Protein backbone atom coordinates (compact mmCIF):
# COMPACT_ATOMS: atom_id res chain seq x y z
CA MET A 1 0.00 0.00 0.00
CA PHE A 2 2.77 2.45 0.95
CA LYS A 3 4.68 1.66 -2.25
CA TYR A 4 1.52 2.29 -4.27
CA ILE A 5 0.96 5.68 -2.63
CA VAL A 6 4.56 6.77 -3.21
CA THR A 7 4.37 5.65 -6.85
CA ARG A 8 1.17 7.60 -7.45
CA LEU A 9 2.61 10.73 -5.81
CA LEU A 10 5.75 10.52 -7.98
CA GLN A 11 3.58 10.10 -11.07
CA ALA A 12 1.63 13.21 -10.09
CA ILE A 13 4.70 15.47 -10.11
CA PRO A 14 4.96 15.81 -13.94
CA THR A 15 1.20 16.46 -14.08
CA LEU A 16 1.42 19.29 -11.55
CA ILE A 17 4.43 20.78 -13.33
CA ALA A 18 2.60 20.75 -16.66
CA VAL A 19 -0.49 22.31 -15.06
CA SER A 20 1.55 25.05 -13.40
CA VAL A 21 3.32 25.92 -16.68
CA LEU A 22 0.08 26.01 -18.67
CA VAL A 23 -1.79 28.07 -16.06
CA PHE A 24 1.13 30.50 -15.67
CA ILE A 25 1.27 31.07 -19.42
CA LEU A 26 -2.49 31.54 -19.80
CA ILE A 27 -2.76 33.90 -16.83
CA ASN A 28 0.16 36.04 -17.91
CA TRP A 29 -1.04 36.17 -21.52
CA THR A 30 -4.46 37.52 -20.62
CA PRO A 31 -5.14 41.05 -21.94
CA GLY A 32 -4.16 43.84 -19.62
CA ASP A 33 -1.47 44.32 -17.04
CA PRO A 34 -1.65 44.23 -13.22
CA ILE A 35 -0.03 47.66 -13.12
CA ASP A 36 -2.75 49.09 -15.36
CA GLN A 37 -5.20 48.82 -12.48
CA LEU A 38 -3.12 51.31 -10.48
CA GLY A 39 -3.22 53.88 -13.24
CA LEU A 40 -6.99 53.73 -13.67
CA ASN A 41 -7.69 55.17 -10.21
CA ASN A 42 -4.75 57.55 -10.00
CA PRO A 43 -4.63 60.55 -12.37
CA ASN A 44 -1.06 61.32 -11.25
CA PHE A 45 0.19 57.91 -12.37
CA THR A 46 2.93 58.53 -14.96
CA GLN A 47 4.68 56.36 -17.52
CA GLU A 48 7.81 56.45 -15.36
CA ASP A 49 5.80 55.07 -12.43
CA TYR A 50 4.47 52.36 -14.72
CA GLN A 51 7.95 51.27 -15.83
CA ARG A 52 9.35 51.43 -12.30
CA LEU A 53 6.60 49.19 -10.90
CA ARG A 54 6.96 46.71 -13.74
CA GLU A 55 10.65 46.39 -12.90
CA ALA A 56 9.90 46.12 -9.15
CA TYR A 57 7.41 43.27 -9.70
CA GLY A 58 9.58 41.62 -12.36
CA LEU A 59 6.93 42.02 -15.06
CA ASP A 60 9.51 43.30 -17.54
CA LYS A 61 11.26 39.90 -17.53
CA PRO A 62 10.46 37.05 -20.00
CA TRP A 63 7.74 34.68 -18.82
CA LEU A 64 10.16 31.75 -18.49
CA GLU A 65 12.37 33.70 -16.08
CA ARG A 66 9.34 34.83 -14.08
CA TYR A 67 8.05 31.26 -13.93
CA SER A 68 11.43 29.97 -12.77
CA ARG A 69 11.52 32.55 -9.98
CA TRP A 70 7.98 31.65 -8.95
CA VAL A 71 8.76 27.91 -8.83
CA TRP A 72 11.96 28.55 -6.85
CA GLY A 73 10.03 30.65 -4.33
CA VAL A 74 7.37 27.95 -3.95
CA LEU A 75 9.87 25.13 -3.45
CA THR A 76 12.28 26.94 -1.12
CA ARG A 77 10.02 29.28 0.91
CA PHE A 78 6.47 28.23 0.00
CA ASP A 79 6.18 31.74 -1.45
CA LEU A 80 3.23 31.81 -3.84
CA GLY A 81 3.64 35.50 -4.56
CA PHE A 82 2.28 38.73 -3.15
CA SER A 83 -1.32 39.84 -3.61
CA ARG A 84 -1.35 43.39 -4.93
CA ARG A 85 -5.03 43.78 -4.13
CA TYR A 86 -4.99 42.65 -0.50
CA GLY A 87 -1.43 43.71 0.32
CA ILE A 88 -0.59 40.33 1.88
CA PRO A 89 0.99 37.08 0.60
CA ALA A 90 -1.20 35.08 -1.78
CA ALA A 91 -0.80 32.00 0.44
CA THR A 92 -2.40 33.91 3.32
CA VAL A 93 -5.35 34.93 1.14
CA ILE A 94 -5.98 31.38 -0.07
CA PHE A 95 -5.10 29.13 2.86
CA GLN A 96 -6.11 31.30 5.82
CA GLN A 97 -8.90 33.54 4.55
CA ARG A 98 -10.67 31.74 1.69
CA LEU A 99 -9.98 27.98 1.70
CA PRO A 100 -11.53 27.30 5.16
CA ASN A 101 -14.78 28.96 4.03
CA THR A 102 -14.84 26.94 0.81
CA LEU A 103 -14.17 23.69 2.69
CA LEU A 104 -17.03 24.50 5.06
CA LEU A 105 -19.43 25.15 2.17
CA SER A 106 -18.24 22.17 0.10
CA GLY A 107 -18.28 19.83 3.10
CA ALA A 108 -21.85 20.81 3.95
CA ALA A 109 -22.90 20.40 0.30
CA LEU A 110 -21.30 16.95 0.03
CA PHE A 111 -22.94 15.85 3.29
CA ILE A 112 -26.37 16.99 2.09
CA ALA A 113 -25.90 15.36 -1.32
CA LEU A 114 -24.83 12.00 0.13
CA ALA A 115 -27.43 12.05 2.92
CA VAL A 116 -30.15 12.41 0.29
CA ALA A 117 -28.73 10.52 -2.71
CA ILE A 118 -27.86 7.18 -1.08
CA PRO A 119 -31.14 6.45 0.77
CA VAL A 120 -33.33 7.86 -2.03
CA GLY A 121 -31.41 5.88 -4.65
CA VAL A 122 -31.76 2.67 -2.63
CA LEU A 123 -35.49 3.21 -2.08
CA SER A 124 -36.02 3.99 -5.77
CA ALA A 125 -34.28 0.77 -6.73
CA THR A 126 -36.14 -1.41 -4.22
CA ARG A 127 -39.46 0.19 -5.25
CA GLN A 128 -38.84 0.25 -8.98
CA TYR A 129 -41.66 1.68 -11.14
CA SER A 130 -43.60 2.81 -8.07
CA PHE A 131 -45.02 6.29 -7.54
CA PHE A 132 -42.03 7.05 -5.30
CA ASP A 133 -39.64 5.99 -8.06
CA TYR A 134 -41.36 8.11 -10.73
CA LEU A 135 -41.58 11.13 -8.42
CA PHE A 136 -37.90 11.20 -7.56
CA THR A 137 -36.91 10.43 -11.14
CA PHE A 138 -38.72 13.60 -12.16
CA ILE A 139 -37.13 15.58 -9.31
CA ASN A 140 -33.66 14.27 -10.21
CA PHE A 141 -33.96 15.25 -13.88
CA ALA A 142 -35.17 18.69 -12.81
CA GLY A 143 -32.23 19.01 -10.41
CA ILE A 144 -29.72 18.11 -13.12
CA SER A 145 -31.30 20.55 -15.61
CA VAL A 146 -31.61 23.62 -13.36
CA PRO A 147 -28.55 25.93 -13.49
CA VAL A 148 -26.87 26.47 -10.14
CA PHE A 149 -26.93 30.27 -10.34
CA TRP A 150 -30.66 30.27 -11.19
CA LEU A 151 -31.48 27.96 -8.29
CA GLY A 152 -29.43 30.15 -5.96
CA MET A 153 -31.26 33.30 -7.00
CA LEU A 154 -34.61 31.48 -6.71
CA LEU A 155 -33.83 30.39 -3.15
CA ILE A 156 -32.76 33.92 -2.26
CA TYR A 157 -35.99 35.30 -3.71
CA LEU A 158 -38.17 32.78 -1.85
CA PHE A 159 -36.48 32.58 1.55
CA SER A 160 -34.80 35.98 1.85
CA VAL A 161 -37.06 38.36 -0.08
CA GLN A 162 -40.57 36.88 -0.02
CA ILE A 163 -40.15 35.50 3.51
CA PRO A 164 -37.63 37.88 5.07
CA GLY A 165 -35.84 36.90 8.23
CA ILE A 166 -35.59 33.14 7.57
CA PHE A 167 -32.25 33.00 5.75
CA PRO A 168 -29.82 35.81 4.82
CA ALA A 169 -29.41 36.65 1.14
CA GLY A 170 -25.64 36.35 1.24
CA GLY A 171 -22.48 36.63 3.23
CA LEU A 172 -20.71 34.46 5.79
CA SER A 173 -22.04 35.68 9.14
CA SER A 174 -23.64 38.63 10.86
CA PRO A 175 -21.08 41.37 11.59
CA GLU A 176 -22.33 41.86 15.15
CA ILE A 177 -21.89 38.17 16.04
CA THR A 178 -18.30 37.04 16.57
CA TYR A 179 -16.76 33.85 17.89
CA PRO A 180 -16.70 34.13 21.71
CA ALA A 181 -13.51 33.77 23.72
CA TRP A 182 -13.14 31.06 26.36
CA SER A 183 -12.52 33.67 29.04
CA GLU A 184 -15.84 35.42 28.42
CA ALA A 185 -18.77 34.82 30.74
CA GLY A 186 -21.58 32.86 29.11
CA PHE A 187 -19.29 31.26 26.53
CA TRP A 188 -21.60 28.38 25.64
CA SER A 189 -24.69 30.54 25.14
CA ASP A 190 -22.69 32.88 22.89
CA TRP A 191 -21.18 29.89 21.09
CA TRP A 192 -24.60 28.40 20.25
CA ARG A 193 -25.73 31.83 19.09
CA TRP A 194 -22.65 32.08 16.82
CA LEU A 195 -23.19 28.53 15.48
CA PHE A 196 -26.87 29.18 14.71
CA ASP A 197 -25.92 32.37 12.87
CA ARG A 198 -23.32 30.56 10.74
CA LEU A 199 -25.81 27.81 9.89
CA ARG A 200 -28.40 30.38 8.74
CA TYR A 201 -25.87 31.78 6.26
CA LEU A 202 -24.70 28.30 5.22
CA ILE A 203 -27.97 26.48 4.45
CA LEU A 204 -29.01 28.15 1.19
CA PRO A 205 -25.59 28.09 -0.55
CA ALA A 206 -24.99 24.50 0.63
CA ILE A 207 -28.32 23.31 -0.79
CA THR A 208 -27.63 25.16 -4.03
CA LEU A 209 -24.16 23.65 -4.41
CA ALA A 210 -25.44 20.17 -3.49
CA SER A 211 -28.36 20.19 -5.93
CA ILE A 212 -26.61 18.93 -9.07
CA GLN A 213 -24.49 16.31 -7.28
CA MET A 214 -27.51 15.18 -5.29
CA ALA A 215 -29.59 14.57 -8.40
CA ALA A 216 -26.80 12.83 -10.34
CA TRP A 217 -25.72 10.60 -7.45
CA THR A 218 -29.32 9.51 -6.80
CA ARG A 219 -29.61 8.28 -10.38
CA PHE A 220 -26.24 6.50 -10.18
CA MET A 221 -27.18 4.92 -6.85
CA ARG A 222 -30.46 3.65 -8.27
CA SER A 223 -28.81 2.20 -11.37
CA SER A 224 -26.01 0.59 -9.37
CA MET A 225 -28.45 -0.98 -6.91
CA LEU A 226 -30.64 -2.37 -9.70
CA GLU A 227 -27.59 -3.93 -11.34
CA VAL A 228 -26.34 -5.53 -8.14
CA MET A 229 -29.78 -6.77 -7.05
CA ASN A 230 -30.00 -8.90 -10.21
CA LEU A 231 -26.67 -10.66 -9.67
CA ASP A 232 -26.49 -14.36 -8.83
CA TYR A 233 -25.14 -14.03 -5.29
CA VAL A 234 -28.04 -11.72 -4.33
CA ARG A 235 -30.59 -14.19 -5.69
CA THR A 236 -28.79 -16.95 -3.78
CA ALA A 237 -29.03 -14.92 -0.56
CA ARG A 238 -32.78 -14.58 -1.08
CA ALA A 239 -33.10 -18.29 -1.82
CA LYS A 240 -31.43 -19.09 1.51
CA GLY A 241 -34.29 -17.30 3.26
CA LEU A 242 -32.53 -14.10 4.32
CA SER A 243 -34.77 -11.13 4.96
CA GLU A 244 -35.13 -8.56 2.20
CA GLN A 245 -33.65 -5.86 4.47
CA ARG A 246 -30.55 -8.00 5.13
CA VAL A 247 -30.16 -8.79 1.42
CA THR A 248 -30.50 -5.13 0.49
CA TYR A 249 -28.26 -3.49 3.05
CA LYS A 250 -25.67 -6.21 3.72
CA HIS A 251 -25.24 -7.91 0.36
CA SER A 252 -26.36 -5.38 -2.25
CA LEU A 253 -25.58 -1.92 -0.86
CA ARG A 254 -21.89 -2.45 -0.16
CA ASN A 255 -21.08 -3.51 -3.73
CA ALA A 256 -23.43 -0.91 -5.18
CA LEU A 257 -21.46 1.81 -3.38
CA LEU A 258 -18.31 1.21 -5.47
CA PRO A 259 -19.39 3.46 -8.40
CA ILE A 260 -20.55 6.09 -5.90
CA VAL A 261 -17.12 6.04 -4.23
CA THR A 262 -15.56 6.85 -7.59
CA LEU A 263 -18.02 9.66 -8.27
CA VAL A 264 -17.65 11.18 -4.81
CA GLY A 265 -13.86 10.97 -4.86
CA LEU A 266 -13.67 12.69 -8.23
CA ALA A 267 -16.41 15.17 -7.35
CA ILE A 268 -14.84 16.54 -4.16
CA PRO A 269 -12.27 18.75 -5.97
CA GLN A 270 -14.93 19.58 -8.57
CA VAL A 271 -17.29 20.74 -5.82
CA VAL A 272 -14.54 22.91 -4.35
CA ASN A 273 -13.77 24.41 -7.76
CA GLY A 274 -17.41 24.51 -8.83
CA ALA A 275 -18.31 26.70 -5.88
CA VAL A 276 -17.42 29.72 -8.04
CA LEU A 277 -21.00 30.40 -9.13
CA THR A 278 -22.51 29.59 -5.76
CA GLU A 279 -20.02 31.76 -3.88
CA THR A 280 -20.59 34.61 -6.33
CA VAL A 281 -24.41 34.45 -6.07
CA PHE A 282 -24.38 34.29 -2.26
CA ALA A 283 -21.37 36.61 -1.77
CA TRP A 284 -19.66 33.78 0.10
CA PRO A 285 -15.98 34.68 0.72
CA GLY A 286 -14.48 31.44 -0.51
CA MET A 287 -11.76 30.28 -2.88
CA GLY A 288 -13.98 30.18 -5.96
CA ARG A 289 -14.96 33.80 -5.52
CA ALA A 290 -11.32 34.66 -4.84
CA ILE A 291 -10.37 33.23 -8.26
CA VAL A 292 -13.00 35.35 -10.02
CA GLU A 293 -11.98 38.51 -8.16
CA ALA A 294 -8.28 37.83 -8.71
CA ILE A 295 -8.72 37.43 -12.48
CA LEU A 296 -10.95 40.50 -12.78
CA ASN A 297 -8.49 42.60 -10.76
CA LYS A 298 -5.38 41.13 -12.43
CA ASP A 299 -4.21 39.78 -9.08
CA PHE A 300 -2.31 36.96 -10.76
CA PRO A 301 -0.48 35.48 -7.72
CA VAL A 302 -3.80 34.75 -5.97
CA ALA A 303 -5.32 33.25 -9.13
CA MET A 304 -2.22 31.13 -9.73
CA ALA A 305 -2.17 29.86 -6.14
CA ALA A 306 -5.88 28.99 -6.16
CA ILE A 307 -5.81 27.16 -9.49
CA LEU A 308 -2.67 25.23 -8.56
CA LEU A 309 -4.31 24.21 -5.28
CA SER A 310 -7.29 22.93 -7.28
CA ALA A 311 -4.96 20.74 -9.36
CA VAL A 312 -3.35 19.36 -6.19
CA LEU A 313 -6.78 18.53 -4.75
CA ILE A 314 -7.73 16.60 -7.89
CA VAL A 315 -4.53 14.52 -7.74
CA VAL A 316 -4.83 13.85 -3.99
CA PHE A 317 -8.47 12.84 -4.08
CA ASN A 318 -7.86 10.54 -7.04
CA ILE A 319 -5.38 8.66 -4.87
CA ILE A 320 -7.74 8.69 -1.86
CA THR A 321 -10.53 7.29 -4.05
CA ASP A 322 -8.35 4.35 -5.08
CA LEU A 323 -7.53 3.65 -1.42
CA ILE A 324 -11.18 3.77 -0.38
CA TYR A 325 -11.87 1.14 -3.04
CA ALA A 326 -9.86 -1.35 -1.02
CA LEU A 327 -11.82 -0.51 2.14
CA VAL A 328 -15.22 -0.88 0.49
CA ASP A 329 -14.37 -4.02 -1.50
CA PRO A 330 -11.91 -6.47 0.18
CA ARG A 331 -11.32 -8.13 -3.21
CA ILE A 332 -9.33 -5.05 -4.27
CA SER A 333 -5.79 -4.72 -2.99
CA TYR A 334 -2.74 -2.67 -3.95
CA SER A 335 0.63 -4.35 -3.78
């Protein structure tokens, strides 16, 4: 197992290098210049200032030299560059300010999607062609077809505008509610108040982000269960007199989960990256929104750091998915 993990990590290095080169070239070849943003809001900005800042940031150097300096900074000091917009290192913007919020939103969305998709998919398969099956088939196709941004705006309109006070329209938390300190009196009451406030802001964007995955995974779960339930060993279990519940949840469900493990493992980085639209609609200060803002404001170090992190997540979760295979199905082993 250890040898397999090391081999996969070594194989991932050329992939990450190729991704970093391609992303660096595309970002730096986009129209406009990061220094141009300074001149737009400053009438006293001269051509001499422009040239001086380009030299200070190394923008006057060829892209290969700039890329080499960036890679050397990442490998030796974990220096992903300096955000010109926020005035702090890009690593601080991504890993301390934005990534935790995105992980919170993505984790909640994945939990909602799995909590709904697996039981609904199993029930649809065990009650094939019933009213329940037809109803959720219709709901699933609707969920797959509805754009995320439209669903987000619809939920805001229904639960924030038409019924004000239930859920906030956007943001991360109420400005007047902060995380209480241990030394404060009444810590637990303030902590529950803080937690309830965060959940109110989290529910709508989490449901919106979970909608597409929820619908797709329900259909996959139903199809996988139907396939497994028709296999010989399941029919043999029924012939031995085992209860239908035991046949379904002990013999069928475990093997039917294998395709879902693949989908979930590959979808985790996609959910993190796909939170761009959801975070934009709900003004959620996460990594996806940071990428959009960084590109619009020519804050290339932040965009580069966020996109490279997305590539790392895809590689890591591909490896984790393969390892979970062995846990779900004992027949699979890695030597």
